[in-house]
Amino acid sequence: MFPLSLVCALILALSVVAEPPRRFNSRFSRQFERLEGDSAPYPPSGWRPSGAQFNLPEPQSSYGPPSQEYGPPEVTTTIEPEVTTTELPTTTESVDADTEDVGSGNNAGPNEALTNGDRGFYYVYHPSGLLQKVHFDTTDDASKMEFSARLRYENVEPISGPIYTYDPLTYTLQRL
């Protein structure tokens, strides 16, 4: 019994004193490697740059009271700005009678209206459950500065399936 208790005590003492097991994962072994001192990954070459040594400034340990004025400091100039004048060029030539005015490039006659328009349809779903189809026809006359739109509402039969709406903030479809 004495040798058995001696062996158990010896095993217990060795397990307490022993190092933790090393991990043999080669992929991450360099990640946990400890560097001794401030060693570089390569030996020093002995080259030093010429000129004065560059030292970083020491951080301030105390700061003064805040300034009572904020903004950029006033700049005083000693040079007065020069006054410049530009003369308009004068022409001595007269306009030839052979030339013709091309205008703005629009070949529309006085009776032709320059119009841009869109037409189409979209659906409106009311909170009461009513679904409407809206037909639109727009006319934009830039020469007369007019814009007109015709809207025609058409009731649509109630929808029996689910209705989805697009949320542009989250880029998702949400079921109503």
N, C-alpha and C. Protein backbone atom coordinates (compact mmCIF):
# COMPACT_ATOMS: atom_id res chain seq x y z
N MET A 1 0.81 -1.18 0.00
CA MET A 1 0.00 0.00 0.00
C MET A 1 0.87 1.26 0.00
N PHE A 2 2.00 1.14 0.68
CA PHE A 2 2.90 2.26 0.73
C PHE A 2 3.43 2.64 -0.66
N PRO A 3 3.84 1.66 -1.50
CA PRO A 3 4.33 2.03 -2.83
C PRO A 3 3.22 2.63 -3.70
N LEU A 4 1.98 2.18 -3.53
CA LEU A 4 0.88 2.72 -4.33
C LEU A 4 0.61 4.18 -3.97
N SER A 5 0.61 4.51 -2.71
CA SER A 5 0.37 5.90 -2.30
C SER A 5 1.55 6.79 -2.70
N LEU A 6 2.77 6.23 -2.71
CA LEU A 6 3.94 6.99 -3.14
C LEU A 6 3.85 7.30 -4.64
N VAL A 7 3.41 6.33 -5.42
CA VAL A 7 3.27 6.53 -6.87
C VAL A 7 2.18 7.57 -7.15
N CYS A 8 1.08 7.52 -6.43
CA CYS A 8 -0.01 8.49 -6.62
C CYS A 8 0.45 9.89 -6.26
N ALA A 9 1.18 10.04 -5.18
CA ALA A 9 1.68 11.35 -4.76
C ALA A 9 2.67 11.89 -5.77
N LEU A 10 3.52 11.01 -6.32
CA LEU A 10 4.50 11.42 -7.32
C LEU A 10 3.80 11.88 -8.60
N ILE A 11 2.78 11.17 -9.04
CA ILE A 11 2.02 11.55 -10.24
C ILE A 11 1.31 12.88 -10.02
N LEU A 12 0.74 13.07 -8.85
CA LEU A 12 0.05 14.32 -8.53
C LEU A 12 1.03 15.49 -8.53
N ALA A 13 2.22 15.30 -7.96
CA ALA A 13 3.22 16.37 -7.91
C ALA A 13 3.71 16.72 -9.31
N LEU A 14 3.93 15.72 -10.16
CA LEU A 14 4.38 15.98 -11.52
C LEU A 14 3.31 16.68 -12.35
N SER A 15 2.06 16.35 -12.14
CA SER A 15 1.00 17.00 -12.92
C SER A 15 0.83 18.46 -12.53
N VAL A 16 1.10 18.80 -11.27
CA VAL A 16 0.99 20.19 -10.84
C VAL A 16 2.15 21.01 -11.37
N VAL A 17 3.35 20.46 -11.40
CA VAL A 17 4.55 21.18 -11.80
C VAL A 17 4.71 21.21 -13.32
N ALA A 18 4.12 20.32 -14.04
CA ALA A 18 4.35 20.18 -15.48
C ALA A 18 3.83 21.39 -16.26
N GLU A 19 4.43 21.63 -17.46
CA GLU A 19 3.99 22.70 -18.36
C GLU A 19 2.68 22.31 -19.03
N PRO A 20 1.91 23.28 -19.44
CA PRO A 20 0.71 22.92 -20.20
C PRO A 20 1.11 22.34 -21.55
N PRO A 21 0.30 21.49 -22.11
CA PRO A 21 0.68 20.85 -23.38
C PRO A 21 0.75 21.89 -24.51
N ARG A 22 1.72 21.68 -25.40
CA ARG A 22 1.87 22.58 -26.56
C ARG A 22 0.88 22.17 -27.63
N ARG A 23 0.42 23.17 -28.33
CA ARG A 23 -0.49 22.90 -29.44
C ARG A 23 0.35 22.72 -30.70
N PHE A 24 0.03 21.71 -31.44
CA PHE A 24 0.81 21.40 -32.63
C PHE A 24 0.06 21.74 -33.90
N ASN A 25 -0.74 22.78 -33.85
CA ASN A 25 -1.45 23.23 -35.05
C ASN A 25 -0.51 24.15 -35.82
N SER A 26 0.01 23.69 -36.94
CA SER A 26 1.03 24.45 -37.66
C SER A 26 0.47 25.72 -38.30
N ARG A 27 -0.81 25.76 -38.56
CA ARG A 27 -1.40 26.92 -39.21
C ARG A 27 -1.34 28.15 -38.29
N PHE A 28 -1.56 27.99 -37.00
CA PHE A 28 -1.61 29.11 -36.08
C PHE A 28 -0.42 29.17 -35.13
N SER A 29 0.60 28.35 -35.36
CA SER A 29 1.71 28.31 -34.41
C SER A 29 2.48 29.63 -34.38
N ARG A 30 2.62 30.33 -35.49
CA ARG A 30 3.34 31.60 -35.50
C ARG A 30 2.53 32.71 -34.84
N GLN A 31 1.25 32.57 -34.80
CA GLN A 31 0.40 33.61 -34.24
C GLN A 31 0.63 33.75 -32.74
N PHE A 32 0.95 32.67 -32.06
CA PHE A 32 1.11 32.69 -30.62
C PHE A 32 2.58 32.70 -30.21
N GLU A 33 3.48 32.88 -31.16
CA GLU A 33 4.90 32.87 -30.87
C GLU A 33 5.27 34.16 -30.13
N ARG A 34 6.02 34.04 -29.06
CA ARG A 34 6.41 35.22 -28.29
C ARG A 34 7.77 35.70 -28.78
N LEU A 35 7.90 37.02 -28.96
CA LEU A 35 9.17 37.59 -29.37
C LEU A 35 9.91 38.07 -28.13
N GLU A 36 11.20 37.83 -28.09
CA GLU A 36 12.01 38.25 -26.95
C GLU A 36 12.59 39.62 -27.25
N GLY A 37 12.31 40.60 -26.41
CA GLY A 37 12.87 41.94 -26.56
C GLY A 37 12.27 42.67 -27.76
N ASP A 38 13.00 43.66 -28.24
CA ASP A 38 12.55 44.45 -29.39
C ASP A 38 13.29 44.01 -30.63
N SER A 39 13.27 42.76 -30.95
CA SER A 39 14.01 42.27 -32.10
C SER A 39 13.21 42.50 -33.37
N ALA A 40 13.92 42.76 -34.46
CA ALA A 40 13.30 42.96 -35.76
C ALA A 40 13.22 41.62 -36.47
N PRO A 41 12.43 41.52 -37.52
CA PRO A 41 12.33 40.25 -38.23
C PRO A 41 13.57 39.94 -39.07
N TYR A 42 14.54 40.89 -39.13
CA TYR A 42 15.76 40.67 -39.89
C TYR A 42 16.91 41.33 -39.13
N PRO A 43 18.13 40.90 -39.37
CA PRO A 43 19.26 41.51 -38.64
C PRO A 43 19.51 42.93 -39.14
N PRO A 44 19.99 43.82 -38.28
CA PRO A 44 20.24 45.20 -38.71
C PRO A 44 21.38 45.25 -39.71
N SER A 45 21.28 46.17 -40.67
CA SER A 45 22.30 46.26 -41.72
C SER A 45 23.40 47.23 -41.37
N GLY A 46 23.18 48.09 -40.38
CA GLY A 46 24.21 49.05 -40.01
C GLY A 46 24.06 50.37 -40.73
N TRP A 47 23.12 50.51 -41.64
CA TRP A 47 22.94 51.76 -42.39
C TRP A 47 22.15 52.75 -41.56
N ARG A 48 22.58 53.98 -41.54
CA ARG A 48 21.87 55.06 -40.85
C ARG A 48 21.67 56.20 -41.85
N PRO A 49 20.52 56.87 -41.82
CA PRO A 49 20.31 58.00 -42.73
C PRO A 49 21.18 59.18 -42.31
N SER A 50 21.56 59.99 -43.30
CA SER A 50 22.38 61.16 -42.99
C SER A 50 21.49 62.30 -42.51
N GLY A 51 22.08 63.25 -41.83
CA GLY A 51 21.33 64.39 -41.34
C GLY A 51 21.02 64.27 -39.87
N ALA A 52 20.27 65.26 -39.40
CA ALA A 52 19.92 65.29 -37.98
C ALA A 52 18.92 64.19 -37.65
N GLN A 53 19.01 63.71 -36.42
CA GLN A 53 18.12 62.65 -35.99
C GLN A 53 16.71 63.21 -35.83
N PHE A 54 15.73 62.45 -36.27
CA PHE A 54 14.33 62.87 -36.17
C PHE A 54 13.74 62.35 -34.86
N ASN A 55 13.30 63.26 -34.03
CA ASN A 55 12.70 62.88 -32.75
C ASN A 55 11.25 63.35 -32.73
N LEU A 56 10.39 62.50 -32.30
CA LEU A 56 8.99 62.88 -32.18
C LEU A 56 8.80 63.78 -30.96
N PRO A 57 7.87 64.73 -31.02
CA PRO A 57 7.66 65.60 -29.86
C PRO A 57 7.04 64.81 -28.71
N GLU A 58 7.36 65.25 -27.52
CA GLU A 58 6.81 64.61 -26.33
C GLU A 58 5.37 65.07 -26.14
N PRO A 59 4.49 64.18 -25.73
CA PRO A 59 3.10 64.60 -25.50
C PRO A 59 3.02 65.51 -24.28
N GLN A 60 2.11 66.49 -24.34
CA GLN A 60 1.96 67.42 -23.23
C GLN A 60 1.25 66.73 -22.08
N SER A 61 1.73 67.02 -20.89
CA SER A 61 1.09 66.41 -19.72
C SER A 61 0.06 67.34 -19.11
N SER A 62 0.18 68.66 -19.35
CA SER A 62 -0.82 69.60 -18.83
C SER A 62 -1.17 70.59 -19.93
N TYR A 63 -2.38 70.97 -19.95
CA TYR A 63 -2.88 71.89 -20.96
C TYR A 63 -3.35 73.16 -20.28
N GLY A 64 -3.25 74.28 -20.97
CA GLY A 64 -3.68 75.56 -20.42
C GLY A 64 -5.18 75.72 -20.53
N PRO A 65 -5.71 76.85 -20.07
CA PRO A 65 -7.15 77.08 -20.16
C PRO A 65 -7.56 77.26 -21.62
N PRO A 66 -8.82 76.99 -21.95
CA PRO A 66 -9.25 77.14 -23.34
C PRO A 66 -9.26 78.60 -23.76
N SER A 67 -9.10 78.81 -25.04
CA SER A 67 -9.07 80.16 -25.59
C SER A 67 -10.45 80.80 -25.50
N GLN A 68 -10.47 82.11 -25.33
CA GLN A 68 -11.75 82.82 -25.27
C GLN A 68 -12.25 83.17 -26.67
N GLU A 69 -11.37 83.14 -27.66
CA GLU A 69 -11.76 83.41 -29.04
C GLU A 69 -11.57 82.13 -29.85
N TYR A 70 -12.49 81.90 -30.73
CA TYR A 70 -12.41 80.72 -31.57
C TYR A 70 -12.36 81.17 -33.02
N GLY A 71 -11.85 80.34 -33.87
CA GLY A 71 -11.75 80.64 -35.29
C GLY A 71 -10.30 80.88 -35.67
N PRO A 72 -10.04 81.15 -36.94
CA PRO A 72 -8.66 81.36 -37.38
C PRO A 72 -8.15 82.71 -36.88
N PRO A 73 -6.86 82.83 -36.69
CA PRO A 73 -6.32 84.11 -36.25
C PRO A 73 -6.44 85.15 -37.36
N GLU A 74 -6.51 86.41 -36.95
CA GLU A 74 -6.61 87.48 -37.93
C GLU A 74 -5.28 87.62 -38.64
N VAL A 75 -5.35 87.79 -39.96
CA VAL A 75 -4.14 87.93 -40.76
C VAL A 75 -4.06 89.38 -41.21
N THR A 76 -2.96 90.01 -40.94
CA THR A 76 -2.76 91.39 -41.39
C THR A 76 -1.87 91.35 -42.61
N THR A 77 -2.28 92.04 -43.65
CA THR A 77 -1.50 92.07 -44.88
C THR A 77 -0.81 93.42 -44.99
N THR A 78 0.37 93.39 -45.57
CA THR A 78 1.11 94.63 -45.77
C THR A 78 1.08 95.06 -47.23
N ILE A 79 0.57 94.21 -48.10
CA ILE A 79 0.51 94.53 -49.53
C ILE A 79 -0.92 94.94 -49.85
N GLU A 80 -1.06 96.10 -50.50
CA GLU A 80 -2.39 96.55 -50.88
C GLU A 80 -2.77 95.88 -52.20
N PRO A 81 -4.03 95.51 -52.36
CA PRO A 81 -4.43 94.88 -53.62
C PRO A 81 -4.37 95.86 -54.78
N GLU A 82 -3.96 95.33 -55.92
CA GLU A 82 -3.87 96.17 -57.11
C GLU A 82 -5.25 96.32 -57.73
N VAL A 83 -5.52 97.51 -58.23
CA VAL A 83 -6.79 97.76 -58.89
C VAL A 83 -6.59 97.44 -60.37
N THR A 84 -7.43 96.55 -60.90
CA THR A 84 -7.31 96.18 -62.30
C THR A 84 -8.54 96.65 -63.05
N THR A 85 -8.33 97.06 -64.25
CA THR A 85 -9.44 97.46 -65.12
C THR A 85 -9.32 96.69 -66.41
N THR A 86 -10.44 96.32 -66.95
CA THR A 86 -10.47 95.60 -68.21
C THR A 86 -11.28 96.42 -69.20
N GLU A 87 -10.70 96.67 -70.34
CA GLU A 87 -11.40 97.43 -71.37
C GLU A 87 -12.15 96.45 -72.25
N LEU A 88 -13.35 96.84 -72.63
CA LEU A 88 -14.14 96.01 -73.53
C LEU A 88 -13.62 96.20 -74.95
N PRO A 89 -13.47 95.11 -75.69
CA PRO A 89 -12.99 95.25 -77.07
C PRO A 89 -14.07 95.89 -77.95
N THR A 90 -13.63 96.68 -78.87
CA THR A 90 -14.57 97.31 -79.81
C THR A 90 -14.34 96.72 -81.18
N THR A 91 -15.40 96.58 -81.94
CA THR A 91 -15.29 96.05 -83.30
C THR A 91 -15.55 97.18 -84.27
N THR A 92 -14.79 97.17 -85.34
CA THR A 92 -14.97 98.19 -86.37
C THR A 92 -15.62 97.61 -87.61
N GLU A 93 -15.85 96.29 -87.59
CA GLU A 93 -16.47 95.65 -88.75
C GLU A 93 -17.97 95.71 -88.62
N SER A 94 -18.65 95.80 -89.73
CA SER A 94 -20.11 95.78 -89.72
C SER A 94 -20.59 94.37 -90.03
N VAL A 95 -21.81 94.08 -89.66
CA VAL A 95 -22.38 92.77 -89.90
C VAL A 95 -22.68 92.65 -91.39
N ASP A 96 -22.20 91.55 -92.00
CA ASP A 96 -22.42 91.34 -93.44
C ASP A 96 -23.88 91.06 -93.72
N ALA A 97 -24.33 91.49 -94.86
CA ALA A 97 -25.71 91.23 -95.28
C ALA A 97 -25.87 89.80 -95.75
N ASP A 98 -24.74 89.11 -96.04
CA ASP A 98 -24.80 87.74 -96.56
C ASP A 98 -25.11 86.72 -95.46
N THR A 99 -24.87 87.07 -94.23
CA THR A 99 -25.03 86.09 -93.16
C THR A 99 -26.49 85.87 -92.83
N GLU A 100 -26.76 84.69 -92.32
CA GLU A 100 -28.13 84.39 -91.92
C GLU A 100 -28.12 83.87 -90.49
N ASP A 101 -29.14 84.19 -89.74
CA ASP A 101 -29.25 83.79 -88.34
C ASP A 101 -29.71 82.33 -88.28
N VAL A 102 -28.90 81.49 -87.64
CA VAL A 102 -29.27 80.09 -87.54
C VAL A 102 -30.15 79.82 -86.34
N GLY A 103 -30.21 80.69 -85.38
CA GLY A 103 -31.09 80.49 -84.23
C GLY A 103 -30.52 79.48 -83.26
N SER A 104 -31.41 78.87 -82.53
CA SER A 104 -30.98 77.95 -81.48
C SER A 104 -30.81 76.52 -81.98
N GLY A 105 -31.12 76.26 -83.22
CA GLY A 105 -30.98 74.91 -83.73
C GLY A 105 -32.28 74.13 -83.72
N ASN A 106 -33.33 74.66 -83.13
CA ASN A 106 -34.62 74.00 -83.15
C ASN A 106 -35.30 74.33 -84.47
N ASN A 107 -35.70 73.34 -85.20
CA ASN A 107 -36.33 73.54 -86.49
C ASN A 107 -37.83 73.57 -86.40
N ALA A 108 -38.36 73.79 -85.23
CA ALA A 108 -39.81 73.81 -85.07
C ALA A 108 -40.34 75.14 -85.56
N GLY A 109 -41.38 75.08 -86.34
CA GLY A 109 -42.01 76.30 -86.84
C GLY A 109 -42.81 76.96 -85.75
N PRO A 110 -43.44 78.08 -86.06
CA PRO A 110 -44.20 78.80 -85.03
C PRO A 110 -45.44 78.04 -84.58
N ASN A 111 -45.96 77.14 -85.39
CA ASN A 111 -47.17 76.41 -85.02
C ASN A 111 -46.88 75.06 -84.37
N GLU A 112 -45.61 74.65 -84.39
CA GLU A 112 -45.26 73.36 -83.81
C GLU A 112 -44.95 73.55 -82.33
N ALA A 113 -45.54 72.73 -81.52
CA ALA A 113 -45.29 72.80 -80.08
C ALA A 113 -44.22 71.79 -79.71
N LEU A 114 -43.25 72.23 -78.95
CA LEU A 114 -42.22 71.32 -78.45
C LEU A 114 -42.74 70.69 -77.18
N THR A 115 -43.20 69.47 -77.27
CA THR A 115 -43.81 68.84 -76.10
C THR A 115 -43.08 67.56 -75.76
N ASN A 116 -43.00 67.32 -74.50
CA ASN A 116 -42.51 66.05 -73.97
C ASN A 116 -43.59 65.51 -73.07
N GLY A 117 -43.86 64.26 -73.17
CA GLY A 117 -44.92 63.71 -72.34
C GLY A 117 -44.63 62.29 -71.94
N ASP A 118 -45.27 61.88 -70.88
CA ASP A 118 -45.18 60.51 -70.40
C ASP A 118 -46.58 59.98 -70.22
N ARG A 119 -46.70 58.68 -70.36
CA ARG A 119 -47.98 58.04 -70.09
C ARG A 119 -47.70 56.68 -69.50
N GLY A 120 -48.65 56.23 -68.70
CA GLY A 120 -48.49 54.93 -68.06
C GLY A 120 -49.56 54.72 -67.02
N PHE A 121 -49.29 53.78 -66.11
CA PHE A 121 -50.25 53.52 -65.05
C PHE A 121 -49.51 53.02 -63.82
N TYR A 122 -50.16 53.13 -62.68
CA TYR A 122 -49.65 52.60 -61.43
C TYR A 122 -50.84 52.23 -60.56
N TYR A 123 -50.59 51.50 -59.48
CA TYR A 123 -51.65 51.05 -58.59
C TYR A 123 -51.55 51.76 -57.25
N VAL A 124 -52.72 52.03 -56.67
CA VAL A 124 -52.80 52.63 -55.34
C VAL A 124 -53.62 51.68 -54.47
N TYR A 125 -53.05 51.29 -53.34
CA TYR A 125 -53.75 50.42 -52.40
C TYR A 125 -54.11 51.25 -51.18
N HIS A 126 -55.39 51.46 -50.95
CA HIS A 126 -55.86 52.29 -49.85
C HIS A 126 -55.92 51.46 -48.56
N PRO A 127 -55.79 52.12 -47.40
CA PRO A 127 -55.85 51.40 -46.13
C PRO A 127 -57.19 50.68 -45.92
N SER A 128 -58.23 51.15 -46.59
CA SER A 128 -59.54 50.50 -46.45
C SER A 128 -59.61 49.19 -47.22
N GLY A 129 -58.59 48.88 -48.02
CA GLY A 129 -58.58 47.64 -48.78
C GLY A 129 -58.95 47.84 -50.24
N LEU A 130 -59.25 49.06 -50.64
CA LEU A 130 -59.62 49.36 -52.02
C LEU A 130 -58.36 49.46 -52.87
N LEU A 131 -58.37 48.83 -54.03
CA LEU A 131 -57.25 48.88 -54.96
C LEU A 131 -57.69 49.62 -56.20
N GLN A 132 -56.91 50.63 -56.61
CA GLN A 132 -57.24 51.41 -57.80
C GLN A 132 -56.06 51.40 -58.76
N LYS A 133 -56.39 51.38 -60.05
CA LYS A 133 -55.40 51.51 -61.10
C LYS A 133 -55.51 52.93 -61.62
N VAL A 134 -54.40 53.66 -61.62
CA VAL A 134 -54.39 55.06 -62.05
C VAL A 134 -53.66 55.14 -63.38
N HIS A 135 -54.38 55.60 -64.42
CA HIS A 135 -53.78 55.83 -65.73
C HIS A 135 -53.41 57.31 -65.81
N PHE A 136 -52.20 57.62 -66.28
CA PHE A 136 -51.81 59.03 -66.38
C PHE A 136 -51.27 59.32 -67.77
N ASP A 137 -51.45 60.57 -68.18
CA ASP A 137 -50.97 61.07 -69.47
C ASP A 137 -50.52 62.51 -69.23
N THR A 138 -49.23 62.79 -69.36
CA THR A 138 -48.72 64.12 -69.08
C THR A 138 -48.23 64.79 -70.34
N THR A 139 -48.27 66.11 -70.34
CA THR A 139 -47.77 66.91 -71.45
C THR A 139 -46.94 68.04 -70.86
N ASP A 140 -45.72 68.19 -71.35
CA ASP A 140 -44.83 69.25 -70.88
C ASP A 140 -44.44 70.09 -72.08
N ASP A 141 -44.93 71.32 -72.14
CA ASP A 141 -44.65 72.23 -73.24
C ASP A 141 -43.68 73.28 -72.74
N ALA A 142 -42.39 73.13 -73.10
CA ALA A 142 -41.37 74.04 -72.59
C ALA A 142 -41.48 75.42 -73.20
N SER A 143 -41.92 75.53 -74.45
CA SER A 143 -42.00 76.85 -75.07
C SER A 143 -43.06 77.72 -74.43
N LYS A 144 -44.15 77.13 -73.98
CA LYS A 144 -45.23 77.90 -73.32
C LYS A 144 -45.14 77.81 -71.80
N MET A 145 -44.17 77.06 -71.31
CA MET A 145 -44.00 76.83 -69.88
C MET A 145 -45.28 76.27 -69.27
N GLU A 146 -45.82 75.23 -69.91
CA GLU A 146 -47.05 74.60 -69.45
C GLU A 146 -46.77 73.14 -69.13
N PHE A 147 -47.46 72.67 -68.13
CA PHE A 147 -47.43 71.25 -67.78
C PHE A 147 -48.85 70.84 -67.45
N SER A 148 -49.30 69.79 -68.07
CA SER A 148 -50.65 69.30 -67.77
C SER A 148 -50.60 67.79 -67.62
N ALA A 149 -51.51 67.30 -66.80
CA ALA A 149 -51.59 65.86 -66.56
C ALA A 149 -53.05 65.46 -66.51
N ARG A 150 -53.34 64.32 -67.13
CA ARG A 150 -54.69 63.75 -67.06
C ARG A 150 -54.59 62.45 -66.29
N LEU A 151 -55.45 62.32 -65.28
CA LEU A 151 -55.47 61.11 -64.46
C LEU A 151 -56.84 60.45 -64.59
N ARG A 152 -56.84 59.13 -64.70
CA ARG A 152 -58.09 58.38 -64.76
C ARG A 152 -57.98 57.24 -63.75
N TYR A 153 -58.90 57.22 -62.80
CA TYR A 153 -58.90 56.20 -61.75
C TYR A 153 -59.85 55.08 -62.14
N GLU A 154 -59.40 53.86 -61.91
CA GLU A 154 -60.21 52.69 -62.25
C GLU A 154 -60.15 51.73 -61.07
N ASN A 155 -61.31 51.37 -60.53
CA ASN A 155 -61.34 50.42 -59.42
C ASN A 155 -61.00 49.03 -59.94
N VAL A 156 -60.23 48.30 -59.16
CA VAL A 156 -59.81 46.96 -59.52
C VAL A 156 -60.44 46.01 -58.53
N GLU A 157 -60.73 44.79 -58.97
CA GLU A 157 -61.35 43.82 -58.07
C GLU A 157 -60.43 43.55 -56.89
N PRO A 158 -61.00 43.24 -55.74
CA PRO A 158 -60.17 43.01 -54.55
C PRO A 158 -59.17 41.88 -54.79
N ILE A 159 -58.03 42.01 -54.17
CA ILE A 159 -56.97 41.02 -54.32
C ILE A 159 -57.16 39.95 -53.26
N SER A 160 -57.07 38.69 -53.70
CA SER A 160 -57.23 37.59 -52.75
C SER A 160 -55.88 37.11 -52.21
N GLY A 161 -54.80 37.39 -52.94
CA GLY A 161 -53.48 36.94 -52.51
C GLY A 161 -52.76 37.99 -51.68
N PRO A 162 -51.54 37.67 -51.24
CA PRO A 162 -50.78 38.63 -50.43
C PRO A 162 -50.29 39.81 -51.27
N ILE A 163 -50.11 40.96 -50.62
CA ILE A 163 -49.62 42.16 -51.27
C ILE A 163 -48.29 42.52 -50.64
N TYR A 164 -47.30 42.84 -51.48
CA TYR A 164 -45.97 43.18 -51.01
C TYR A 164 -45.65 44.61 -51.41
N THR A 165 -44.83 45.26 -50.60
CA THR A 165 -44.34 46.60 -50.91
C THR A 165 -42.83 46.60 -50.76
N TYR A 166 -42.16 47.44 -51.52
CA TYR A 166 -40.70 47.52 -51.52
C TYR A 166 -40.25 48.61 -50.57
N ASP A 167 -39.28 48.29 -49.70
CA ASP A 167 -38.71 49.27 -48.78
C ASP A 167 -37.32 49.65 -49.29
N PRO A 168 -37.13 50.88 -49.79
CA PRO A 168 -35.83 51.25 -50.36
C PRO A 168 -34.73 51.40 -49.31
N LEU A 169 -35.07 51.55 -48.04
CA LEU A 169 -34.04 51.69 -47.01
C LEU A 169 -33.37 50.36 -46.70
N THR A 170 -34.17 49.29 -46.64
CA THR A 170 -33.62 47.98 -46.31
C THR A 170 -33.50 47.06 -47.52
N TYR A 171 -33.96 47.52 -48.68
CA TYR A 171 -33.91 46.75 -49.93
C TYR A 171 -34.63 45.41 -49.80
N THR A 172 -35.76 45.43 -49.14
CA THR A 172 -36.51 44.19 -48.97
C THR A 172 -37.97 44.41 -49.35
N LEU A 173 -38.64 43.30 -49.63
CA LEU A 173 -40.08 43.33 -49.86
C LEU A 173 -40.76 43.01 -48.54
N GLN A 174 -41.78 43.80 -48.22
CA GLN A 174 -42.52 43.58 -46.98
C GLN A 174 -43.96 43.27 -47.33
N ARG A 175 -44.52 42.33 -46.61
CA ARG A 175 -45.91 41.94 -46.86
C ARG A 175 -46.83 42.89 -46.11
N LEU A 176 -47.84 43.39 -46.81
CA LEU A 176 -48.82 44.28 -46.18
C LEU A 176 -49.88 43.50 -45.47
